N, C-alpha and C. Protein backbone atom coordinates (compact mmCIF):
# COMPACT_ATOMS: atom_id res chain seq x y z
N MET A 1 13.52 -11.68 -11.39
CA MET A 1 12.34 -10.65 -12.64
C MET A 1 12.78 -9.41 -12.44
N THR A 2 13.27 -8.78 -13.48
CA THR A 2 13.41 -7.24 -12.90
C THR A 2 12.40 -6.36 -13.76
N ILE A 3 12.30 -5.43 -12.59
CA ILE A 3 11.25 -4.06 -13.55
C ILE A 3 11.71 -3.18 -13.53
N PRO A 4 11.72 -2.25 -15.28
CA PRO A 4 12.54 -1.09 -15.06
C PRO A 4 11.99 -0.02 -14.08
N GLN A 5 12.84 0.81 -13.57
CA GLN A 5 12.51 1.83 -12.52
C GLN A 5 11.28 2.59 -12.98
N THR A 6 11.06 2.93 -14.30
CA THR A 6 10.21 3.49 -14.92
C THR A 6 8.90 2.54 -15.13
N THR A 7 8.11 2.57 -14.60
CA THR A 7 7.13 1.55 -14.66
C THR A 7 6.10 1.53 -15.99
N ALA A 8 5.83 0.91 -16.66
CA ALA A 8 4.14 0.75 -17.59
C ALA A 8 2.93 0.48 -16.74
N LEU A 9 1.89 1.12 -17.37
CA LEU A 9 0.51 0.42 -16.00
C LEU A 9 0.29 -0.50 -16.73
N PRO A 10 -0.06 -1.47 -16.40
CA PRO A 10 -0.16 -3.06 -16.96
C PRO A 10 -2.20 -2.60 -17.39
N ALA A 11 -2.18 -3.24 -18.50
CA ALA A 11 -3.66 -3.17 -19.48
C ALA A 11 -4.68 -3.20 -18.11
N VAL A 12 -4.63 -4.31 -17.52
CA VAL A 12 -5.53 -4.64 -16.51
C VAL A 12 -6.20 -3.40 -15.58
N LEU A 13 -5.15 -2.34 -15.15
CA LEU A 13 -5.63 -1.14 -14.71
C LEU A 13 -5.31 -0.01 -15.13
N GLU A 14 -5.48 -0.15 -16.79
CA GLU A 14 -6.09 0.91 -17.84
C GLU A 14 -7.33 1.61 -17.02
N GLY A 15 -7.81 3.15 -16.77
CA GLY A 15 -8.97 3.55 -16.57
C GLY A 15 -9.19 3.41 -15.11
N ARG A 16 -8.64 2.78 -14.45
CA ARG A 16 -8.94 2.48 -12.98
C ARG A 16 -7.91 2.81 -12.21
N PRO A 17 -8.17 4.60 -11.83
CA PRO A 17 -7.17 5.79 -10.94
C PRO A 17 -6.77 4.59 -9.46
N LEU A 18 -5.37 4.22 -9.42
CA LEU A 18 -4.56 3.69 -8.28
C LEU A 18 -4.25 4.22 -7.17
N VAL A 19 -3.67 4.22 -5.88
CA VAL A 19 -2.93 5.04 -5.05
C VAL A 19 -2.24 3.90 -4.57
N VAL A 20 -0.89 3.62 -4.47
CA VAL A 20 -0.16 3.02 -3.50
C VAL A 20 0.31 3.96 -2.14
N VAL A 21 0.00 2.87 -0.96
CA VAL A 21 0.22 3.63 0.56
C VAL A 21 0.74 2.79 1.10
N ASP A 22 1.70 3.23 1.63
CA ASP A 22 2.37 2.58 3.08
C ASP A 22 2.28 3.63 4.42
N VAL A 23 2.23 3.02 5.55
CA VAL A 23 2.35 3.84 6.75
C VAL A 23 2.80 3.32 7.36
N GLU A 24 3.62 4.20 8.42
CA GLU A 24 4.43 3.40 9.67
C GLU A 24 3.92 4.41 10.91
N GLY A 25 3.52 3.41 11.93
CA GLY A 25 2.77 4.08 13.20
C GLY A 25 4.23 4.19 14.01
N ASN A 26 3.10 4.45 15.27
CA ASN A 26 4.34 5.08 16.81
C ASN A 26 4.40 3.90 17.31
N GLY A 27 3.62 2.83 17.34
CA GLY A 27 3.43 1.49 18.04
C GLY A 27 2.38 1.83 19.26
N GLY A 28 1.73 2.70 19.02
CA GLY A 28 0.43 2.85 20.41
C GLY A 28 -0.59 1.88 19.84
N GLN A 29 -1.86 1.95 20.57
CA GLN A 29 -2.96 1.39 20.07
C GLN A 29 -4.09 2.29 20.82
N PRO A 30 -5.04 3.19 19.79
CA PRO A 30 -4.29 2.68 18.55
C PRO A 30 -3.45 3.55 17.60
N PRO A 31 -2.85 2.72 16.79
CA PRO A 31 -1.75 3.41 15.93
C PRO A 31 -1.38 4.94 15.58
N ARG A 32 -0.97 5.92 15.64
CA ARG A 32 -1.04 7.32 14.76
C ARG A 32 0.16 7.09 14.16
N ILE A 33 0.01 7.70 12.99
CA ILE A 33 0.72 7.53 11.97
C ILE A 33 2.14 8.73 12.11
N VAL A 34 3.35 8.04 11.88
CA VAL A 34 4.06 9.08 11.72
C VAL A 34 5.23 9.34 10.44
N GLU A 35 4.76 8.48 9.62
CA GLU A 35 5.11 8.08 8.26
C GLU A 35 4.23 7.67 7.40
N ILE A 36 3.92 8.63 6.10
CA ILE A 36 3.28 7.70 5.27
C ILE A 36 3.46 8.27 3.89
N ALA A 37 3.51 7.32 2.66
CA ALA A 37 3.78 7.23 1.51
C ALA A 37 2.89 7.56 1.01
N VAL A 38 2.06 7.82 -0.25
CA VAL A 38 1.72 7.76 -1.23
C VAL A 38 2.12 8.25 -2.62
N LEU A 39 1.69 7.14 -3.68
CA LEU A 39 1.78 6.78 -4.99
C LEU A 39 0.41 6.90 -5.87
N PRO A 40 0.34 8.08 -6.23
CA PRO A 40 -1.01 7.76 -7.53
C PRO A 40 -0.38 7.06 -8.44
N VAL A 41 -1.19 6.54 -9.52
CA VAL A 41 -0.83 5.48 -10.07
C VAL A 41 -2.01 6.01 -11.60
N ASP A 42 -1.44 6.79 -12.65
CA ASP A 42 -2.52 6.98 -13.36
C ASP A 42 -1.74 6.57 -14.65
N GLY A 43 -0.35 6.32 -14.97
CA GLY A 43 0.14 5.43 -16.23
C GLY A 43 1.89 5.41 -15.51
N PRO A 44 2.48 5.35 -17.05
CA PRO A 44 3.84 5.18 -16.34
C PRO A 44 4.31 5.92 -15.12
N VAL A 45 4.95 5.41 -13.76
CA VAL A 45 5.59 5.91 -13.05
C VAL A 45 6.66 5.46 -12.23
N THR A 46 7.49 6.46 -11.33
CA THR A 46 8.81 6.05 -11.23
C THR A 46 8.87 6.58 -9.83
N GLY A 47 9.64 5.92 -8.93
CA GLY A 47 9.65 5.95 -7.36
C GLY A 47 10.05 7.76 -7.08
N GLN A 48 10.24 8.22 -8.14
CA GLN A 48 10.53 9.45 -7.91
C GLN A 48 9.03 10.40 -7.91
N GLU A 49 8.18 10.21 -8.20
CA GLU A 49 6.75 10.75 -7.61
C GLU A 49 5.94 9.94 -6.36
N LEU A 50 6.59 9.29 -5.62
CA LEU A 50 6.11 9.03 -4.39
C LEU A 50 6.38 10.67 -3.87
N ARG A 51 5.18 10.74 -2.92
CA ARG A 51 5.30 11.54 -2.16
C ARG A 51 4.82 11.18 -0.39
N THR A 52 5.97 11.53 -0.27
CA THR A 52 6.20 11.25 1.91
C THR A 52 6.41 11.99 2.39
N TRP A 53 5.21 12.16 3.59
CA TRP A 53 5.99 12.81 4.84
C TRP A 53 6.02 12.40 6.64
N LEU A 54 6.73 12.86 6.93
CA LEU A 54 7.06 12.43 8.56
C LEU A 54 5.79 13.50 9.38
N VAL A 55 5.43 12.96 10.17
CA VAL A 55 3.85 13.63 11.10
C VAL A 55 4.42 13.40 12.69
N ARG A 56 4.51 13.86 12.95
CA ARG A 56 4.71 14.28 14.42
C ARG A 56 3.04 13.93 15.25
N PRO A 57 3.12 12.51 16.06
CA PRO A 57 2.14 12.10 16.31
C PRO A 57 1.60 12.61 17.52
N ALA A 58 0.93 12.21 18.33
CA ALA A 58 -0.09 12.95 19.31
C ALA A 58 0.76 12.20 20.50
N GLU A 59 1.36 10.69 20.58
CA GLU A 59 1.79 10.40 21.43
C GLU A 59 2.80 9.87 20.71
N PRO A 60 4.22 9.60 21.63
CA PRO A 60 5.58 9.88 21.64
C PRO A 60 5.31 8.22 20.55
N ILE A 61 6.31 8.03 19.97
CA ILE A 61 7.19 6.77 19.37
C ILE A 61 7.83 5.74 20.08
N THR A 62 7.21 4.14 20.20
CA THR A 62 7.12 3.65 21.35
C THR A 62 8.45 2.80 20.65
N GLY A 63 9.87 2.08 21.67
CA GLY A 63 11.13 1.68 21.62
C GLY A 63 10.64 0.72 20.56
N HIS A 64 9.47 0.13 20.53
CA HIS A 64 9.47 -1.20 19.69
C HIS A 64 9.57 -0.48 17.99
N ALA A 65 8.32 0.12 17.98
CA ALA A 65 8.27 1.05 16.59
C ALA A 65 9.63 1.38 16.26
N ARG A 66 10.15 1.81 16.80
CA ARG A 66 11.44 2.72 16.15
C ARG A 66 12.09 1.86 15.97
N ARG A 67 12.64 0.67 16.73
CA ARG A 67 13.46 -0.68 16.27
C ARG A 67 12.66 -1.30 14.88
N VAL A 68 11.64 -1.40 14.73
CA VAL A 68 11.15 -1.79 13.13
C VAL A 68 11.52 -0.83 11.85
N HIS A 69 11.33 0.59 11.97
CA HIS A 69 11.09 1.28 11.34
C HIS A 69 12.11 2.88 11.36
N GLY A 70 12.85 2.57 12.21
CA GLY A 70 13.94 3.21 12.14
C GLY A 70 13.72 4.62 12.86
N ILE A 71 12.62 5.40 12.96
CA ILE A 71 11.98 6.48 13.05
C ILE A 71 11.67 6.71 14.30
N ASP A 72 12.46 7.95 15.01
CA ASP A 72 12.40 8.13 16.76
C ASP A 72 11.92 9.67 16.97
N ASN A 73 11.31 9.82 18.08
CA ASN A 73 11.00 11.12 18.33
C ASN A 73 11.81 12.23 18.06
N ARG A 74 13.16 12.46 17.83
CA ARG A 74 13.70 13.06 17.61
C ARG A 74 13.25 13.58 15.85
N ASP A 75 13.22 12.23 15.16
CA ASP A 75 12.67 12.32 13.79
C ASP A 75 11.60 13.38 13.17
N VAL A 76 10.60 13.11 14.12
CA VAL A 76 9.37 13.96 13.98
C VAL A 76 9.53 15.05 14.55
N ASP A 77 10.26 15.73 15.69
CA ASP A 77 10.13 16.74 16.50
C ASP A 77 10.50 17.93 15.22
N GLY A 78 9.11 18.98 15.32
CA GLY A 78 8.96 20.34 14.57
C GLY A 78 8.44 19.63 13.26
N LYS A 79 7.96 18.16 12.95
CA LYS A 79 7.16 17.76 11.66
C LYS A 79 5.59 18.32 12.17
N PRO A 80 4.88 18.32 10.89
CA PRO A 80 3.34 18.96 11.16
C PRO A 80 2.28 17.60 11.93
N PRO A 81 1.91 17.69 12.60
CA PRO A 81 0.71 17.13 13.17
C PRO A 81 -0.24 16.64 12.06
N TRP A 82 -1.04 15.66 12.38
CA TRP A 82 -1.43 14.87 11.16
C TRP A 82 -2.84 16.02 10.65
N PRO A 83 -3.33 16.53 11.37
CA PRO A 83 -4.64 17.63 10.81
C PRO A 83 -3.64 18.71 9.38
N GLN A 84 -2.51 18.98 9.69
CA GLN A 84 -2.08 19.73 8.64
C GLN A 84 -1.51 18.67 7.35
N VAL A 85 -1.45 17.21 7.50
CA VAL A 85 -0.92 16.77 6.78
C VAL A 85 -2.09 16.21 5.88
N ALA A 86 -2.90 15.99 6.77
CA ALA A 86 -4.35 15.08 6.27
C ALA A 86 -5.02 15.97 4.58
N GLY A 87 -4.78 17.52 4.92
CA GLY A 87 -5.09 17.93 3.78
C GLY A 87 -4.19 17.93 2.34
N GLU A 88 -3.00 17.77 2.93
CA GLU A 88 -2.34 17.13 1.47
C GLU A 88 -2.99 15.65 1.04
N VAL A 89 -2.65 14.70 2.15
CA VAL A 89 -2.84 13.35 1.51
C VAL A 89 -4.31 13.27 1.07
N ALA A 90 -5.27 13.63 1.62
CA ALA A 90 -6.84 13.10 1.43
C ALA A 90 -7.23 13.31 0.25
N PRO A 91 -6.80 14.46 -0.63
CA PRO A 91 -6.91 14.87 -1.89
C PRO A 91 -6.00 13.65 -3.07
N LEU A 92 -5.35 13.35 -2.95
CA LEU A 92 -4.27 11.94 -3.42
C LEU A 92 -5.46 10.42 -3.59
N LEU A 93 -5.91 10.48 -2.07
CA LEU A 93 -6.60 9.11 -2.46
C LEU A 93 -8.05 9.33 -2.72
N LYS A 94 -8.45 10.68 -3.05
CA LYS A 94 -10.39 10.48 -3.39
C LYS A 94 -10.34 9.94 -4.84
N GLY A 95 -10.92 9.20 -4.67
CA GLY A 95 -11.76 7.78 -5.81
C GLY A 95 -10.86 7.10 -6.32
N ARG A 96 -9.46 6.96 -5.59
CA ARG A 96 -8.73 6.13 -6.14
C ARG A 96 -8.75 4.51 -5.46
N THR A 97 -8.65 3.30 -6.49
CA THR A 97 -8.29 2.43 -5.82
C THR A 97 -7.39 2.12 -4.56
N LEU A 98 -7.18 1.91 -3.23
CA LEU A 98 -6.08 1.63 -2.39
C LEU A 98 -5.20 0.55 -2.47
N LEU A 99 -3.80 0.31 -3.13
CA LEU A 99 -3.36 -0.71 -2.94
C LEU A 99 -1.98 -0.65 -1.88
N ALA A 100 -2.07 -1.98 -0.70
CA ALA A 100 -1.03 -1.68 0.23
C ALA A 100 -0.77 -3.33 0.42
N HIS A 101 0.31 -3.71 1.18
CA HIS A 101 0.55 -4.76 1.29
C HIS A 101 -0.05 -5.22 2.66
N ASN A 102 -0.57 -6.14 3.06
CA ASN A 102 -1.54 -6.46 4.33
C ASN A 102 -2.31 -5.04 4.16
N ALA A 103 -2.93 -5.18 3.38
CA ALA A 103 -3.55 -3.64 2.99
C ALA A 103 -4.54 -3.42 4.08
N ALA A 104 -5.17 -4.64 4.77
CA ALA A 104 -6.51 -4.40 6.02
C ALA A 104 -5.59 -3.41 6.85
N THR A 105 -4.38 -3.64 7.28
CA THR A 105 -3.77 -2.66 8.09
C THR A 105 -4.32 -1.31 7.85
N GLU A 106 -3.30 -0.77 6.66
CA GLU A 106 -3.49 0.18 5.81
C GLU A 106 -4.52 0.97 6.11
N TYR A 107 -5.39 0.41 5.22
CA TYR A 107 -7.04 0.51 5.60
C TYR A 107 -8.02 0.95 6.76
N ARG A 108 -7.55 0.26 7.85
CA ARG A 108 -7.70 0.26 9.26
C ARG A 108 -7.31 1.71 9.59
N VAL A 109 -5.87 1.84 9.18
CA VAL A 109 -5.12 3.03 10.07
C VAL A 109 -5.58 4.42 9.09
N LEU A 110 -5.94 4.23 7.99
CA LEU A 110 -6.13 5.32 7.01
C LEU A 110 -7.62 6.16 7.70
N GLY A 111 -8.24 5.09 7.58
CA GLY A 111 -9.78 5.38 7.67
C GLY A 111 -9.85 5.59 9.15
N ALA A 112 -9.29 5.57 10.46
CA ALA A 112 -9.46 5.86 11.83
C ALA A 112 -8.56 7.74 11.38
N HIS A 113 -7.94 8.10 11.00
CA HIS A 113 -7.21 9.27 10.42
C HIS A 113 -7.49 10.11 9.54
N LEU A 114 -8.85 9.48 8.32
CA LEU A 114 -9.45 10.06 7.57
C LEU A 114 -11.25 9.87 7.51
N PRO A 115 -12.01 9.80 8.57
CA PRO A 115 -13.10 9.20 8.83
C PRO A 115 -13.96 9.53 7.99
N LYS A 116 -13.83 10.92 6.72
CA LYS A 116 -14.96 10.41 5.61
C LYS A 116 -14.28 9.89 4.48
N TRP A 117 -13.12 9.53 4.75
CA TRP A 117 -12.60 8.80 3.44
C TRP A 117 -13.49 7.56 3.31
N ARG A 118 -13.49 6.74 2.15
CA ARG A 118 -13.92 5.35 2.04
C ARG A 118 -13.52 5.31 0.55
N PRO A 119 -12.54 4.48 0.10
CA PRO A 119 -11.89 4.04 -1.18
C PRO A 119 -12.94 3.37 -1.95
N PRO A 120 -13.17 3.15 -3.26
CA PRO A 120 -14.03 2.54 -4.43
C PRO A 120 -13.15 1.13 -4.16
N MET A 121 -12.20 0.65 -4.10
CA MET A 121 -12.29 -0.30 -3.88
C MET A 121 -10.33 -0.28 -3.14
N VAL A 122 -10.31 -1.84 -2.43
CA VAL A 122 -8.88 -2.05 -1.62
C VAL A 122 -8.38 -3.16 -1.93
N LEU A 123 -7.18 -3.12 -2.46
CA LEU A 123 -6.48 -4.13 -3.08
C LEU A 123 -5.46 -4.82 -2.37
N ASP A 124 -5.05 -5.76 -2.23
CA ASP A 124 -4.06 -6.33 -1.05
C ASP A 124 -3.06 -7.44 -1.71
N THR A 125 -1.49 -7.00 -1.78
CA THR A 125 -0.48 -7.81 -2.87
C THR A 125 -0.35 -9.25 -1.71
N LEU A 126 -0.45 -9.09 -0.22
CA LEU A 126 -0.27 -10.29 0.77
C LEU A 126 -1.23 -11.54 -0.07
N ARG A 127 -2.58 -10.60 -0.07
CA ARG A 127 -3.53 -11.89 -0.37
C ARG A 127 -3.53 -12.35 -2.08
N LEU A 128 -3.22 -11.73 -2.86
CA LEU A 128 -2.60 -11.66 -4.10
C LEU A 128 -1.67 -12.52 -4.12
N ALA A 129 -0.74 -12.24 -3.42
CA ALA A 129 0.82 -13.50 -3.54
C ALA A 129 0.63 -14.67 -3.34
N ARG A 130 -0.46 -14.81 -1.79
CA ARG A 130 -0.68 -16.36 -1.48
C ARG A 130 -1.64 -16.85 -2.31
N HIS A 131 -2.43 -16.14 -2.97
CA HIS A 131 -3.07 -17.03 -4.23
C HIS A 131 -2.13 -17.58 -5.54
N LEU A 132 -1.25 -16.35 -5.60
CA LEU A 132 -0.75 -16.59 -7.09
C LEU A 132 0.69 -17.74 -6.66
N TRP A 133 1.48 -17.33 -5.35
CA TRP A 133 2.60 -18.35 -5.20
C TRP A 133 2.41 -19.28 -3.99
N PRO A 134 1.49 -20.06 -3.92
CA PRO A 134 1.41 -20.70 -2.88
C PRO A 134 2.61 -21.54 -2.26
N GLY A 135 2.56 -21.98 -1.15
CA GLY A 135 3.93 -22.46 -0.54
C GLY A 135 5.19 -21.94 -0.27
N LEU A 136 5.17 -20.43 -0.07
CA LEU A 136 6.32 -19.93 0.27
C LEU A 136 6.63 -20.20 1.42
N PRO A 137 7.50 -19.81 1.96
CA PRO A 137 7.81 -20.09 3.03
C PRO A 137 7.37 -18.75 4.15
N GLY A 138 7.17 -17.56 3.40
CA GLY A 138 6.60 -16.58 4.15
C GLY A 138 6.48 -15.75 3.18
N TYR A 139 5.48 -14.72 4.02
CA TYR A 139 4.84 -13.89 2.66
C TYR A 139 4.80 -12.24 2.91
N SER A 140 5.76 -11.84 4.02
CA SER A 140 6.28 -10.50 4.39
C SER A 140 6.76 -9.93 3.06
N LEU A 141 6.62 -8.45 2.91
CA LEU A 141 7.03 -7.65 1.82
C LEU A 141 8.16 -8.40 1.60
N GLY A 142 9.12 -7.76 1.90
CA GLY A 142 10.87 -8.28 2.33
C GLY A 142 10.65 -9.77 1.18
N GLU A 143 10.07 -10.66 1.93
CA GLU A 143 10.28 -12.24 1.51
C GLU A 143 9.98 -11.96 0.25
N LEU A 144 8.87 -11.35 -0.30
CA LEU A 144 8.29 -11.63 -1.63
C LEU A 144 9.33 -11.21 -2.78
N VAL A 145 9.94 -9.58 -2.20
CA VAL A 145 10.68 -8.80 -2.75
C VAL A 145 11.75 -9.67 -3.76
N ALA A 146 12.54 -10.75 -2.10
CA ALA A 146 13.06 -11.13 -2.74
C ALA A 146 13.05 -12.16 -3.54
N HIS A 147 11.82 -13.19 -3.24
CA HIS A 147 11.40 -14.25 -4.24
C HIS A 147 11.15 -13.90 -5.52
N ALA A 148 10.76 -12.78 -5.75
CA ALA A 148 10.36 -11.99 -7.44
C ALA A 148 11.50 -11.61 -8.06
N ARG A 149 12.94 -11.61 -6.84
CA ARG A 149 14.08 -10.87 -7.55
C ARG A 149 14.11 -9.60 -8.23
N LEU A 150 13.12 -8.49 -7.39
CA LEU A 150 12.64 -7.09 -8.24
C LEU A 150 13.72 -6.62 -7.67
N ASP A 151 14.12 -5.11 -8.99
CA ASP A 151 15.05 -4.48 -9.17
C ASP A 151 14.15 -2.89 -8.02
N VAL A 152 14.79 -3.09 -6.74
CA VAL A 152 13.49 -1.91 -6.07
C VAL A 152 14.73 -0.61 -6.17
N GLY A 153 15.45 -0.10 -7.42
CA GLY A 153 16.09 0.97 -7.28
C GLY A 153 15.22 1.88 -7.83
N GLY A 154 15.40 3.22 -7.51
CA GLY A 154 14.43 4.10 -8.23
C GLY A 154 13.75 5.54 -7.12
N THR A 155 13.98 5.00 -6.05
CA THR A 155 13.67 5.59 -4.78
C THR A 155 14.74 6.17 -3.94
N THR A 156 14.62 7.50 -3.49
CA THR A 156 16.16 7.87 -2.62
C THR A 156 15.93 7.13 -1.58
N GLU A 157 14.96 6.65 -0.50
CA GLU A 157 14.58 5.58 0.60
C GLU A 157 14.55 4.51 0.10
N GLN A 158 15.92 3.87 0.78
CA GLN A 158 16.20 2.36 0.44
C GLN A 158 16.29 1.32 1.86
N ARG A 159 15.32 1.78 2.65
CA ARG A 159 15.43 1.33 4.19
C ARG A 159 14.15 0.08 4.51
N PRO A 160 14.07 -0.91 4.35
CA PRO A 160 12.58 -1.42 4.81
C PRO A 160 11.95 -0.94 5.90
N HIS A 161 10.86 -1.05 5.85
CA HIS A 161 10.20 -0.57 6.61
C HIS A 161 10.03 1.06 6.85
N ARG A 162 10.57 1.57 5.79
CA ARG A 162 10.46 3.04 5.67
C ARG A 162 9.16 3.32 4.43
N ALA A 163 8.19 4.04 4.86
CA ALA A 163 7.03 4.35 3.93
C ALA A 163 7.38 4.60 2.15
N GLY A 164 8.10 5.39 2.45
CA GLY A 164 8.12 5.11 1.05
C GLY A 164 9.43 3.93 0.33
N TYR A 165 10.02 3.08 0.95
CA TYR A 165 10.58 2.34 0.10
C TYR A 165 9.46 0.82 0.50
N ASP A 166 8.77 0.78 1.31
CA ASP A 166 7.75 -0.01 0.97
C ASP A 166 6.44 0.31 0.08
N ALA A 167 6.10 1.57 -0.14
CA ALA A 167 5.44 1.43 -0.94
C ALA A 167 5.50 1.41 -2.67
N TRP A 168 6.87 1.84 -2.91
CA TRP A 168 7.50 1.39 -4.35
C TRP A 168 7.56 0.07 -4.32
N CYS A 169 8.26 -0.82 -3.06
CA CYS A 169 8.06 -2.41 -3.31
C CYS A 169 6.65 -2.64 -3.47
N THR A 170 5.44 -2.53 -3.09
CA THR A 170 4.21 -3.03 -3.05
C THR A 170 4.15 -2.89 -4.67
N TRP A 171 4.29 -1.47 -5.14
CA TRP A 171 3.81 -1.31 -6.55
C TRP A 171 4.65 -2.33 -7.51
N LEU A 172 5.84 -2.49 -7.06
CA LEU A 172 6.74 -3.61 -7.96
C LEU A 172 6.26 -5.00 -7.92
N LEU A 173 6.10 -5.18 -6.57
CA LEU A 173 5.34 -6.58 -6.38
C LEU A 173 4.07 -7.04 -7.26
N LEU A 174 3.25 -6.02 -7.46
CA LEU A 174 1.68 -5.79 -8.02
C LEU A 174 2.22 -6.19 -9.52
N LEU A 175 3.28 -5.06 -9.96
CA LEU A 175 3.17 -5.62 -11.36
C LEU A 175 3.93 -7.13 -11.84
N ALA A 176 4.89 -7.43 -11.18
CA ALA A 176 5.40 -8.87 -10.89
C ALA A 176 4.33 -9.78 -10.72
N LEU A 177 3.50 -9.84 -10.03
CA LEU A 177 2.15 -10.76 -9.66
C LEU A 177 1.16 -10.65 -10.93
N LEU A 178 0.88 -9.69 -11.12
CA LEU A 178 0.05 -9.04 -12.39
C LEU A 178 0.87 -9.84 -13.96
N ASP A 179 1.77 -9.54 -13.96
CA ASP A 179 2.94 -10.46 -15.25
C ASP A 179 2.75 -12.02 -14.95
N ASP A 180 2.53 -12.07 -13.74
CA ASP A 180 2.63 -14.04 -13.56
C ASP A 180 0.88 -14.29 -13.83
N SER A 181 0.21 -13.78 -13.21
CA SER A 181 -1.41 -14.13 -13.42
C SER A 181 -2.15 -14.21 -14.97
N GLY A 182 -1.84 -13.02 -15.64
CA GLY A 182 -2.95 -12.62 -16.58
C GLY A 182 -4.35 -12.73 -16.22
N LEU A 183 -4.02 -12.19 -15.19
CA LEU A 183 -5.87 -11.91 -14.51
C LEU A 183 -6.46 -10.79 -15.04
N ASP A 184 -7.74 -10.46 -15.53
CA ASP A 184 -8.41 -9.18 -15.79
C ASP A 184 -8.41 -8.54 -14.46
N TRP A 185 -9.34 -7.35 -14.81
CA TRP A 185 -10.24 -6.66 -13.28
C TRP A 185 -11.10 -7.52 -12.89
N ASP A 186 -12.07 -8.03 -12.92
CA ASP A 186 -12.58 -8.81 -12.42
C ASP A 186 -12.07 -9.82 -11.48
N GLY A 187 -11.03 -10.72 -12.23
CA GLY A 187 -10.48 -11.65 -11.68
C GLY A 187 -9.22 -11.31 -10.51
N LEU A 188 -8.79 -10.16 -10.70
CA LEU A 188 -7.95 -9.48 -9.70
C LEU A 188 -8.81 -9.06 -8.66
N VAL A 189 -10.25 -8.69 -8.53
CA VAL A 189 -10.81 -8.28 -7.43
C VAL A 189 -11.06 -9.66 -6.81
N ARG A 190 -11.66 -10.50 -7.64
CA ARG A 190 -11.91 -11.40 -6.78
C ARG A 190 -10.81 -11.99 -5.94
N THR A 191 -9.51 -12.19 -6.37
CA THR A 191 -7.98 -12.64 -5.78
C THR A 191 -7.75 -11.69 -4.46
N ALA A 192 -7.71 -10.16 -4.98
CA ALA A 192 -6.80 -9.60 -4.12
C ALA A 192 -7.82 -8.55 -3.33
N ALA A 193 -9.15 -8.18 -3.59
CA ALA A 193 -9.94 -7.35 -3.33
C ALA A 193 -10.00 -7.93 -1.11
N LEU A 194 -9.93 -6.95 -0.44
CA LEU A 194 -10.39 -7.27 0.79
C LEU A 194 -11.85 -7.43 0.93
N LYS A 195 -11.92 -8.32 1.93
CA LYS A 195 -13.42 -8.79 1.89
C LYS A 195 -14.77 -8.11 1.76
N ASP A 196 -14.50 -6.86 2.59
CA ASP A 196 -15.66 -6.04 2.56
C ASP A 196 -15.96 -5.25 0.67
N PHE A 197 -14.66 -5.26 0.15
CA PHE A 197 -15.51 -5.10 -1.35
C PHE A 197 -15.27 -6.06 -2.30
N GLN A 198 -15.29 -7.68 -1.99
CA GLN A 198 -15.80 -8.44 -2.75
C GLN A 198 -17.04 -8.17 -3.41
N PRO A 199 -17.02 -8.39 -4.58
CA PRO A 199 -18.41 -8.43 -5.06
C PRO A 199 -19.57 -9.74 -4.49
N SER A 200 -20.56 -8.96 -4.83
CA SER A 200 -21.97 -9.88 -3.95
C SER A 200 -21.67 -11.30 -4.63
N GLU A 201 -22.49 -12.26 -3.91
CA GLU A 201 -22.88 -13.83 -5.31
C GLU A 201 -24.05 -12.94 -5.72
N GLU A 202 -24.13 -13.50 -7.08
CA GLU A 202 -25.33 -13.57 -7.57
C GLU A 202 -26.45 -14.35 -7.23
N PRO A 203 -27.64 -14.05 -7.28
CA PRO A 203 -28.58 -14.76 -6.79
C PRO A 203 -28.92 -16.13 -7.33
N GLY A 204 -28.85 -17.50 -7.31
CA GLY A 204 -29.00 -18.71 -7.76
C GLY A 204 -29.96 -18.64 -8.51
N GLU A 205 -30.46 -19.88 -9.37
CA GLU A 205 -31.97 -19.62 -9.79
C GLU A 205 -32.81 -20.04 -9.14
N GLY A 206 -34.26 -20.01 -9.36
CA GLY A 206 -35.31 -20.66 -8.23
C GLY A 206 -36.22 -19.14 -7.97
N LEU A 207 -36.92 -19.26 -6.87
CA LEU A 207 -37.12 -18.36 -6.23
C LEU A 207 -36.33 -17.47 -5.52
N TRP A 208 -36.57 -16.18 -5.39
CA TRP A 208 -36.09 -15.20 -4.78
C TRP A 208 -36.68 -13.72 -4.42
């Protein structure tokens, strides 16, 4: 499946402000953000509209984290610490549905870094893919991009596990999944929302 580099907004997302986010951490516990990518979606978008920041964490980047995303301590030396970056990131997230792959991680890490922020909805392409494409050998972002044969051009960053690349791939993956599903908004929420954002069950008939 080939998705054009300029991507149209699916009808199911019309009137639903969305923001695609990917974060990369320093490997510590709790993790500290060393890179973040943010793609606000209100209509047709391109990878050039992605915004990314390298962040100097309070604790150094571990060797394991460096081997995953390729960012080392020299790359973030001289970059702004999180409190400076937060002032630019927070307005881009406000009032928008958060979309991420394995979104529980992004939501947890962002919540720790932005304690006053809470999105109206969190959608997870991992949950959605497992529901719509059952039986695949793996559901990592890279495996799903390969399965869907996505054209991931359109971003300057082309290395997996870099925030900009992964955020763009997550958006393209959502488009592919929606194209296959025919879901409306309520169906998308039931299928892809994190547990804390699932709608409450309606009370059954009888006394209550």
